[in-house]
Protein backbone atom coordinates (compact mmCIF):
# COMPACT_ATOMS: atom_id res chain seq x y z
CA UNK A 1 -27.05 -4.38 -3.75
CA UNK A 2 -30.32 -2.89 -4.17
CA UNK A 3 -31.59 -4.50 -1.38
CA UNK A 4 -28.79 -2.17 1.18
CA UNK A 5 -30.19 0.74 -1.45
CA UNK A 6 -33.40 -0.21 -0.46
CA UNK A 7 -33.27 -0.57 3.45
CA UNK A 8 -32.15 3.00 3.36
CA UNK A 9 -34.36 4.74 1.61
CA UNK A 10 -33.11 4.73 -2.05
CA UNK A 11 -35.41 2.30 -4.48
CA UNK A 12 -33.25 0.83 -7.46
CA UNK A 13 -34.79 -0.09 -10.92
CA UNK A 14 -35.12 -4.36 -10.87
CA UNK A 15 -34.01 -4.84 -14.31
CA UNK A 16 -34.39 -8.21 -16.29
CA UNK A 17 -31.40 -10.42 -15.83
CA UNK A 18 -30.13 -13.56 -17.73
CA UNK A 19 -31.69 -16.69 -16.43
CA UNK A 20 -27.76 -18.20 -16.06
CA UNK A 21 -24.83 -17.17 -14.45
CA UNK A 22 -23.31 -18.62 -17.89
CA UNK A 23 -25.14 -15.71 -20.03
CA UNK A 24 -24.00 -13.28 -17.50
CA UNK A 25 -21.04 -13.26 -18.22
CA UNK A 26 -21.00 -13.25 -21.39
CA UNK A 27 -22.58 -10.27 -21.50
CA UNK A 28 -22.74 -8.23 -18.01
CA UNK A 29 -25.04 -5.52 -17.66
CA UNK A 30 -24.09 -3.10 -14.67
CA UNK A 31 -21.98 -0.85 -16.74
CA UNK A 32 -25.28 -0.39 -19.15
CA UNK A 33 -27.49 0.17 -16.58
CA UNK A 34 -26.00 2.56 -13.82
CA UNK A 35 -26.84 6.06 -15.67
CA UNK A 36 -30.94 4.97 -15.74
CA UNK A 37 -30.66 3.88 -12.26
CA UNK A 38 -29.75 7.78 -11.24
CA UNK A 39 -25.59 7.51 -10.63
CA UNK A 40 -22.98 9.74 -12.01
CA UNK A 41 -19.53 8.73 -12.41
CA UNK A 42 -17.62 9.95 -9.42
CA UNK A 43 -14.70 12.72 -10.48
CA UNK A 44 -10.91 12.66 -9.62
CA UNK A 45 -11.49 14.71 -6.85
CA UNK A 46 -14.23 13.50 -5.16
CA UNK A 47 -13.57 10.65 -2.63
CA UNK A 48 -15.35 7.19 -1.70
CA UNK A 49 -18.40 7.88 0.43
CA UNK A 50 -20.89 5.66 2.21
CA UNK A 51 -23.08 4.61 -0.54
CA UNK A 52 -21.22 4.96 -3.48
CA UNK A 53 -21.42 1.98 -5.73
CA UNK A 54 -18.32 0.20 -6.84
CA UNK A 55 -18.33 -1.64 -10.60
CA UNK A 56 -15.44 -4.27 -11.07
CA UNK A 57 -14.32 -6.83 -12.91
CA UNK A 58 -14.27 -10.48 -10.88
CA UNK A 59 -12.20 -12.56 -13.50
CA UNK A 60 -14.61 -11.90 -16.58
CA UNK A 61 -14.94 -10.04 -19.47
CA UNK A 62 -16.25 -6.09 -18.65
CA UNK A 63 -17.74 -4.84 -14.98
CA UNK A 64 -19.49 -7.85 -13.64
CA UNK A 65 -19.40 -7.39 -10.22
CA UNK A 66 -20.81 -4.46 -8.13
CA UNK A 67 -20.28 -3.20 -4.30
CA UNK A 68 -21.94 -0.73 -2.09
CA UNK A 69 -18.85 0.75 -0.33
CA UNK A 70 -19.95 1.36 3.38
CA UNK A 71 -17.28 3.63 4.81
CA UNK A 72 -13.95 2.93 6.85
CA UNK A 73 -12.60 1.07 3.46
CA UNK A 74 -14.99 -1.33 3.76
CA UNK A 75 -17.29 -2.92 1.20
CA UNK A 76 -20.66 -5.25 0.84
CA UNK A 77 -20.55 -7.23 -2.09
CA UNK A 78 -21.58 -10.97 -3.04
CA UNK A 79 -19.41 -13.03 -4.95
CA UNK A 80 -20.82 -15.76 -6.35
CA UNK A 81 -20.76 -19.08 -4.53
CA UNK A 82 -20.56 -17.39 -1.05
CA UNK A 83 -22.59 -15.67 0.90
CA UNK A 84 -22.73 -11.68 1.28
CA UNK A 85 -19.59 -10.47 2.65
CA UNK A 86 -18.43 -6.89 3.89
CA UNK A 87 -14.52 -6.99 3.03
CA UNK A 88 -11.44 -4.26 3.26
CA UNK A 89 -11.81 -2.75 -0.03
CA UNK A 90 -8.10 -2.60 -0.78
CA UNK A 91 -5.83 -4.05 -2.27
CA UNK A 92 -7.58 -7.16 -4.80
CA UNK A 93 -10.19 -5.66 -4.84
CA UNK A 94 -9.41 -2.10 -5.65
CA UNK A 95 -7.39 -3.53 -8.45
CA UNK A 96 -10.55 -4.76 -10.54
CA UNK A 97 -12.41 -1.42 -9.81
CA UNK A 98 -13.32 -0.22 -13.35
CA UNK A 99 -15.80 2.42 -12.35
CA UNK A 100 -16.85 4.45 -8.78
CA UNK A 101 -20.33 5.99 -9.07
CA UNK A 102 -22.58 8.24 -6.84
CA UNK A 103 -26.15 7.81 -7.02
CA UNK A 104 -28.42 11.94 -7.40
CA UNK A 105 -29.94 11.12 -4.48
CA UNK A 106 -26.88 10.24 -1.90
CA UNK A 107 -27.53 12.54 0.63
CA UNK A 108 -30.96 11.16 0.75
CA UNK A 109 -30.06 8.02 2.22
CA UNK A 110 -30.84 7.03 5.19
CA UNK A 111 -28.02 6.72 8.44
CA UNK A 112 -28.73 2.72 9.03
CA UNK A 113 -25.83 0.63 9.71
CA UNK A 114 -24.93 -1.78 7.75
């Protein structure tokens, strides 16, 4: 996610991460970091737009997964043990979603594809 934003002109902080995936599963950090990274929650009247962040709970305890909405119902994300992928944002991924966020400088994202 950080790489995608960086490639589109928006630098995000890089926090220290847990050493092992098991430590991260015990204490997911995404829901603690979004405010400090410049994100704000979408309101009920806002619809997803390219560059919005999607925080999800993927078979864990808490918001342990994040993706970037690419538009056209597509999301870029990386599930552990797989390559990063672009997937349809619907069904199961939507059910896993716990928070939708937009960066305060979202209007400054460059128009690069991907």
